[in-house]
Amino acid sequence: LLAGRNVLWPTRDKLYIFDQRTAQPLKAIDLAMRGATGGNLLTADGKLLIATDTELIAIGL
């Protein structure tokens, strides 16, 4: 997902955030610690929405 100047890349356990221009990693968010898994991504009103096969999760950015 392209969000502002970042690329958000979900895996099953983590969400990786990269700089769009340099491709340098900026952050890795541990989804398992939040009780979440990777899925389809959408940003809205400063929140990251993750749609999995069983739930919709909102995380503040």
PDB file of N, CA and C in Angstrom:
ATOM      1  N   LEU A   1       0.855  -1.167   0.000  1.00  0.00           N
ATOM      2  CA  LEU A   1       0.000   0.000   0.000  1.00  0.00           C
ATOM      3  C   LEU A   1       0.897   1.224   0.000  1.00  0.00           C
ATOM      4  N   LEU A   2       0.639   2.179  -0.885  1.00  0.00           N
ATOM      5  CA  LEU A   2       1.342   3.454  -0.874  1.00  0.00           C
ATOM      6  C   LEU A   2       0.551   4.405   0.012  1.00  0.00           C
ATOM      7  N   ALA A   3       1.207   4.956   1.018  1.00  0.00           N
ATOM      8  CA  ALA A   3       0.554   5.856   1.965  1.00  0.00           C
ATOM      9  C   ALA A   3       1.478   7.038   2.235  1.00  0.00           C
ATOM     10  N   GLY A   4       1.157   8.179   1.648  1.00  0.00           N
ATOM     11  CA  GLY A   4       2.041   9.333   1.797  1.00  0.00           C
ATOM     12  C   GLY A   4       3.380   9.041   1.154  1.00  0.00           C
ATOM     13  N   ARG A   5       4.451   9.167   1.934  1.00  0.00           N
ATOM     14  CA  ARG A   5       5.797   8.873   1.427  1.00  0.00           C
ATOM     15  C   ARG A   5       6.251   7.461   1.777  1.00  0.00           C
ATOM     16  N   ASN A   6       5.328   6.647   2.259  1.00  0.00           N
ATOM     17  CA  ASN A   6       5.684   5.309   2.725  1.00  0.00           C
ATOM     18  C   ASN A   6       5.060   4.204   1.885  1.00  0.00           C
ATOM     19  N   VAL A   7       5.693   3.044   1.945  1.00  0.00           N
ATOM     20  CA  VAL A   7       5.142   1.809   1.394  1.00  0.00           C
ATOM     21  C   VAL A   7       4.889   0.893   2.580  1.00  0.00           C
ATOM     22  N   LEU A   8       3.669   0.405   2.714  1.00  0.00           N
ATOM     23  CA  LEU A   8       3.322  -0.524   3.789  1.00  0.00           C
ATOM     24  C   LEU A   8       3.209  -1.914   3.180  1.00  0.00           C
ATOM     25  N   TRP A   9       3.967  -2.852   3.745  1.00  0.00           N
ATOM     26  CA  TRP A   9       4.047  -4.213   3.200  1.00  0.00           C
ATOM     27  C   TRP A   9       3.674  -5.202   4.304  1.00  0.00           C
ATOM     28  N   PRO A  10       2.496  -5.821   4.223  1.00  0.00           N
ATOM     29  CA  PRO A  10       2.101  -6.758   5.275  1.00  0.00           C
ATOM     30  C   PRO A  10       2.629  -8.166   5.025  1.00  0.00           C
ATOM     31  N   THR A  11       2.991  -8.823   6.103  1.00  0.00           N
ATOM     32  CA  THR A  11       3.249 -10.255   6.084  1.00  0.00           C
ATOM     33  C   THR A  11       2.280 -10.858   7.098  1.00  0.00           C
ATOM     34  N   ARG A  12       2.348 -12.124   7.304  1.00  0.00           N
ATOM     35  CA  ARG A  12       1.422 -12.754   8.257  1.00  0.00           C
ATOM     36  C   ARG A  12       1.595 -12.213   9.677  1.00  0.00           C
ATOM     37  N   ASP A  13       2.834 -11.943  10.089  1.00  0.00           N
ATOM     38  CA  ASP A  13       3.105 -11.546  11.469  1.00  0.00           C
ATOM     39  C   ASP A  13       3.510 -10.091  11.656  1.00  0.00           C
ATOM     40  N   LYS A  14       3.973  -9.439  10.588  1.00  0.00           N
ATOM     41  CA  LYS A  14       4.487  -8.075  10.726  1.00  0.00           C
ATOM     42  C   LYS A  14       4.010  -7.190   9.593  1.00  0.00           C
ATOM     43  N   LEU A  15       4.043  -5.896   9.859  1.00  0.00           N
ATOM     44  CA  LEU A  15       3.784  -4.890   8.844  1.00  0.00           C
ATOM     45  C   LEU A  15       5.061  -4.080   8.702  1.00  0.00           C
ATOM     46  N   TYR A  16       5.657  -4.121   7.523  1.00  0.00           N
ATOM     47  CA  TYR A  16       6.898  -3.402   7.276  1.00  0.00           C
ATOM     48  C   TYR A  16       6.585  -2.081   6.597  1.00  0.00           C
ATOM     49  N   ILE A  17       7.279  -1.028   7.040  1.00  0.00           N
ATOM     50  CA  ILE A  17       7.098   0.296   6.457  1.00  0.00           C
ATOM     51  C   ILE A  17       8.428   0.732   5.863  1.00  0.00           C
ATOM     52  N   PHE A  18       8.387   1.107   4.573  1.00  0.00           N
ATOM     53  CA  PHE A  18       9.570   1.533   3.835  1.00  0.00           C
ATOM     54  C   PHE A  18       9.367   2.947   3.310  1.00  0.00           C
ATOM     55  N   ASP A  19      10.464   3.669   3.123  1.00  0.00           N
ATOM     56  CA  ASP A  19      10.428   4.965   2.459  1.00  0.00           C
ATOM     57  C   ASP A  19      10.238   4.718   0.963  1.00  0.00           C
ATOM     58  N   GLN A  20       9.279   5.423   0.345  1.00  0.00           N
ATOM     59  CA  GLN A  20       8.981   5.215  -1.071  1.00  0.00           C
ATOM     60  C   GLN A  20      10.149   5.571  -1.982  1.00  0.00           C
ATOM     61  N   ARG A  21      10.850   6.645  -1.668  1.00  0.00           N
ATOM     62  CA  ARG A  21      11.917   7.110  -2.556  1.00  0.00           C
ATOM     63  C   ARG A  21      13.205   6.316  -2.415  1.00  0.00           C
ATOM     64  N   THR A  22      13.578   5.993  -1.185  1.00  0.00           N
ATOM     65  CA  THR A  22      14.872   5.346  -0.956  1.00  0.00           C
ATOM     66  C   THR A  22      14.769   3.838  -0.779  1.00  0.00           C
ATOM     67  N   ALA A  23      13.583   3.334  -0.538  1.00  0.00           N
ATOM     68  CA  ALA A  23      13.330   1.915  -0.258  1.00  0.00           C
ATOM     69  C   ALA A  23      13.979   1.456   1.047  1.00  0.00           C
ATOM     70  N   GLN A  24      14.396   2.397   1.865  1.00  0.00           N
ATOM     71  CA  GLN A  24      14.983   2.053   3.161  1.00  0.00           C
ATOM     72  C   GLN A  24      13.883   1.658   4.144  1.00  0.00           C
ATOM     73  N   PRO A  25      14.111   0.618   4.939  1.00  0.00           N
ATOM     74  CA  PRO A  25      13.119   0.241   5.955  1.00  0.00           C
ATOM     75  C   PRO A  25      13.053   1.304   7.047  1.00  0.00           C
ATOM     76  N   LEU A  26      11.833   1.667   7.439  1.00  0.00           N
ATOM     77  CA  LEU A  26      11.629   2.669   8.482  1.00  0.00           C
ATOM     78  C   LEU A  26      11.165   2.048   9.791  1.00  0.00           C
ATOM     79  N   LYS A  27      10.323   1.028   9.682  1.00  0.00           N
ATOM     80  CA  LYS A  27       9.724   0.457  10.892  1.00  0.00           C
ATOM     81  C   LYS A  27       9.136  -0.905  10.571  1.00  0.00           C
ATOM     82  N   ALA A  28       9.090  -1.752  11.578  1.00  0.00           N
ATOM     83  CA  ALA A  28       8.382  -3.032  11.480  1.00  0.00           C
ATOM     84  C   ALA A  28       7.425  -3.100  12.667  1.00  0.00           C
ATOM     85  N   ILE A  29       6.156  -3.259  12.388  1.00  0.00           N
ATOM     86  CA  ILE A  29       5.134  -3.346  13.432  1.00  0.00           C
ATOM     87  C   ILE A  29       4.786  -4.816  13.624  1.00  0.00           C
ATOM     88  N   ASP A  30       4.921  -5.291  14.846  1.00  0.00           N
ATOM     89  CA  ASP A  30       4.607  -6.685  15.168  1.00  0.00           C
ATOM     90  C   ASP A  30       3.092  -6.826  15.301  1.00  0.00           C
ATOM     91  N   LEU A  31       2.462  -7.407  14.306  1.00  0.00           N
ATOM     92  CA  LEU A  31       1.010  -7.565  14.316  1.00  0.00           C
ATOM     93  C   LEU A  31       0.557  -8.596  15.340  1.00  0.00           C
ATOM     94  N   ALA A  32       1.342  -9.637  15.540  1.00  0.00           N
ATOM     95  CA  ALA A  32       0.974 -10.690  16.489  1.00  0.00           C
ATOM     96  C   ALA A  32       0.824 -10.125  17.900  1.00  0.00           C
ATOM     97  N   MET A  33       1.670  -9.154  18.268  1.00  0.00           N
ATOM     98  CA  MET A  33       1.569  -8.544  19.603  1.00  0.00           C
ATOM     99  C   MET A  33       0.266  -7.774  19.774  1.00  0.00           C
ATOM    100  N   ARG A  34      -0.340  -7.370  18.667  1.00  0.00           N
ATOM    101  CA  ARG A  34      -1.606  -6.638  18.701  1.00  0.00           C
ATOM    102  C   ARG A  34      -2.798  -7.566  18.480  1.00  0.00           C
ATOM    103  N   GLY A  35      -2.516  -8.868  18.402  1.00  0.00           N
ATOM    104  CA  GLY A  35      -3.586  -9.826  18.167  1.00  0.00           C
ATOM    105  C   GLY A  35      -4.106  -9.778  16.740  1.00  0.00           C
ATOM    106  N   ALA A  36      -3.250  -9.357  15.811  1.00  0.00           N
ATOM    107  CA  ALA A  36      -3.656  -9.197  14.416  1.00  0.00           C
ATOM    108  C   ALA A  36      -2.785 -10.056  13.511  1.00  0.00           C
ATOM    109  N   THR A  37      -3.224 -10.185  12.268  1.00  0.00           N
ATOM    110  CA  THR A  37      -2.424 -10.830  11.227  1.00  0.00           C
ATOM    111  C   THR A  37      -2.467  -9.935   9.999  1.00  0.00           C
ATOM    112  N   GLY A  38      -1.638 -10.243   9.025  1.00  0.00           N
ATOM    113  CA  GLY A  38      -1.629  -9.470   7.791  1.00  0.00           C
ATOM    114  C   GLY A  38      -2.916  -9.667   7.011  1.00  0.00           C
ATOM    115  N   GLY A  39      -3.172  -8.753   6.098  1.00  0.00           N
ATOM    116  CA  GLY A  39      -4.366  -8.829   5.266  1.00  0.00           C
ATOM    117  C   GLY A  39      -4.358  -7.700   4.258  1.00  0.00           C
ATOM    118  N   ASN A  40      -5.521  -7.388   3.724  1.00  0.00           N
ATOM    119  CA  ASN A  40      -5.654  -6.271   2.795  1.00  0.00           C
ATOM    120  C   ASN A  40      -5.610  -4.966   3.578  1.00  0.00           C
ATOM    121  N   LEU A  41      -4.899  -3.960   3.038  1.00  0.00           N
ATOM    122  CA  LEU A  41      -4.678  -2.712   3.752  1.00  0.00           C
ATOM    123  C   LEU A  41      -5.434  -1.550   3.126  1.00  0.00           C
ATOM    124  N   LEU A  42      -5.847  -0.610   4.001  1.00  0.00           N
ATOM    125  CA  LEU A  42      -6.487   0.629   3.585  1.00  0.00           C
ATOM    126  C   LEU A  42      -6.187   1.664   4.653  1.00  0.00           C
ATOM    127  N   THR A  43      -5.884   2.903   4.255  1.00  0.00           N
ATOM    128  CA  THR A  43      -5.724   3.968   5.236  1.00  0.00           C
ATOM    129  C   THR A  43      -6.924   4.899   5.150  1.00  0.00           C
ATOM    130  N   ALA A  44      -7.375   5.387   6.309  1.00  0.00           N
ATOM    131  CA  ALA A  44      -8.503   6.308   6.381  1.00  0.00           C
ATOM    132  C   ALA A  44      -8.441   7.069   7.695  1.00  0.00           C
ATOM    133  N   ASP A  45      -8.507   8.396   7.615  1.00  0.00           N
ATOM    134  CA  ASP A  45      -8.558   9.253   8.807  1.00  0.00           C
ATOM    135  C   ASP A  45      -7.462   8.941   9.817  1.00  0.00           C
ATOM    136  N   GLY A  46      -6.232   8.748   9.348  1.00  0.00           N
ATOM    137  CA  GLY A  46      -5.113   8.494  10.243  1.00  0.00           C
ATOM    138  C   GLY A  46      -5.078   7.103  10.845  1.00  0.00           C
ATOM    139  N   LYS A  47      -5.902   6.222  10.329  1.00  0.00           N
ATOM    140  CA  LYS A  47      -5.938   4.837  10.812  1.00  0.00           C
ATOM    141  C   LYS A  47      -5.534   3.906   9.673  1.00  0.00           C
ATOM    142  N   LEU A  48      -4.932   2.797  10.043  1.00  0.00           N
ATOM    143  CA  LEU A  48      -4.642   1.729   9.097  1.00  0.00           C
ATOM    144  C   LEU A  48      -5.665   0.638   9.338  1.00  0.00           C
ATOM    145  N   LEU A  49      -6.403   0.274   8.305  1.00  0.00           N
ATOM    146  CA  LEU A  49      -7.375  -0.808   8.405  1.00  0.00           C
ATOM    147  C   LEU A  49      -6.786  -2.044   7.751  1.00  0.00           C
ATOM    148  N   ILE A  50      -6.867  -3.160   8.453  1.00  0.00           N
ATOM    149  CA  ILE A  50      -6.391  -4.441   7.944  1.00  0.00           C
ATOM    150  C   ILE A  50      -7.594  -5.377   7.881  1.00  0.00           C
ATOM    151  N   ALA A  51      -7.929  -5.796   6.676  1.00  0.00           N
ATOM    152  CA  ALA A  51      -9.041  -6.728   6.487  1.00  0.00           C
ATOM    153  C   ALA A  51      -8.474  -8.131   6.325  1.00  0.00           C
ATOM    154  N   THR A  52      -8.757  -8.990   7.302  1.00  0.00           N
ATOM    155  CA  THR A  52      -8.336 -10.390   7.218  1.00  0.00           C
ATOM    156  C   THR A  52      -9.539 -11.217   6.763  1.00  0.00           C
ATOM    157  N   ASP A  53      -9.382 -12.508   6.721  1.00  0.00           N
ATOM    158  CA  ASP A  53     -10.508 -13.349   6.314  1.00  0.00           C
ATOM    159  C   ASP A  53     -11.584 -13.451   7.389  1.00  0.00           C
ATOM    160  N   THR A  54     -11.280 -13.005   8.628  1.00  0.00           N
ATOM    161  CA  THR A  54     -12.265 -13.121   9.707  1.00  0.00           C
ATOM    162  C   THR A  54     -12.584 -11.821  10.431  1.00  0.00           C
ATOM    163  N   GLU A  55     -11.789 -10.761  10.217  1.00  0.00           N
ATOM    164  CA  GLU A  55     -12.040  -9.534  10.972  1.00  0.00           C
ATOM    165  C   GLU A  55     -11.485  -8.303  10.267  1.00  0.00           C
ATOM    166  N   LEU A  56     -11.914  -7.134  10.769  1.00  0.00           N
ATOM    167  CA  LEU A  56     -11.408  -5.848  10.315  1.00  0.00           C
ATOM    168  C   LEU A  56     -10.735  -5.192  11.514  1.00  0.00           C
ATOM    169  N   ILE A  57      -9.452  -4.853  11.369  1.00  0.00           N
ATOM    170  CA  ILE A  57      -8.652  -4.326  12.470  1.00  0.00           C
ATOM    171  C   ILE A  57      -8.256  -2.894  12.147  1.00  0.00           C
ATOM    172  N   ALA A  58      -8.360  -1.979  13.115  1.00  0.00           N
ATOM    173  CA  ALA A  58      -7.942  -0.591  12.939  1.00  0.00           C
ATOM    174  C   ALA A  58      -6.755  -0.316  13.856  1.00  0.00           C
ATOM    175  N   ILE A  59      -5.699   0.256  13.279  1.00  0.00           N
ATOM    176  CA  ILE A  59      -4.495   0.611  14.030  1.00  0.00           C
ATOM    177  C   ILE A  59      -4.200   2.079  13.757  1.00  0.00           C
ATOM    178  N   GLY A  60      -3.961   2.865  14.802  1.00  0.00           N
ATOM    179  CA  GLY A  60      -3.600   4.269  14.621  1.00  0.00           C
ATOM    180  C   GLY A  60      -2.207   4.404  14.032  1.00  0.00           C
ATOM    181  N   LEU A  61      -2.058   5.310  13.079  1.00  0.00           N
ATOM    182  CA  LEU A  61      -0.744   5.528  12.468  1.00  0.00           C
ATOM    183  C   LEU A  61      -0.038   6.713  13.081  1.00  0.00           C
TER     184      LEU A  61
END
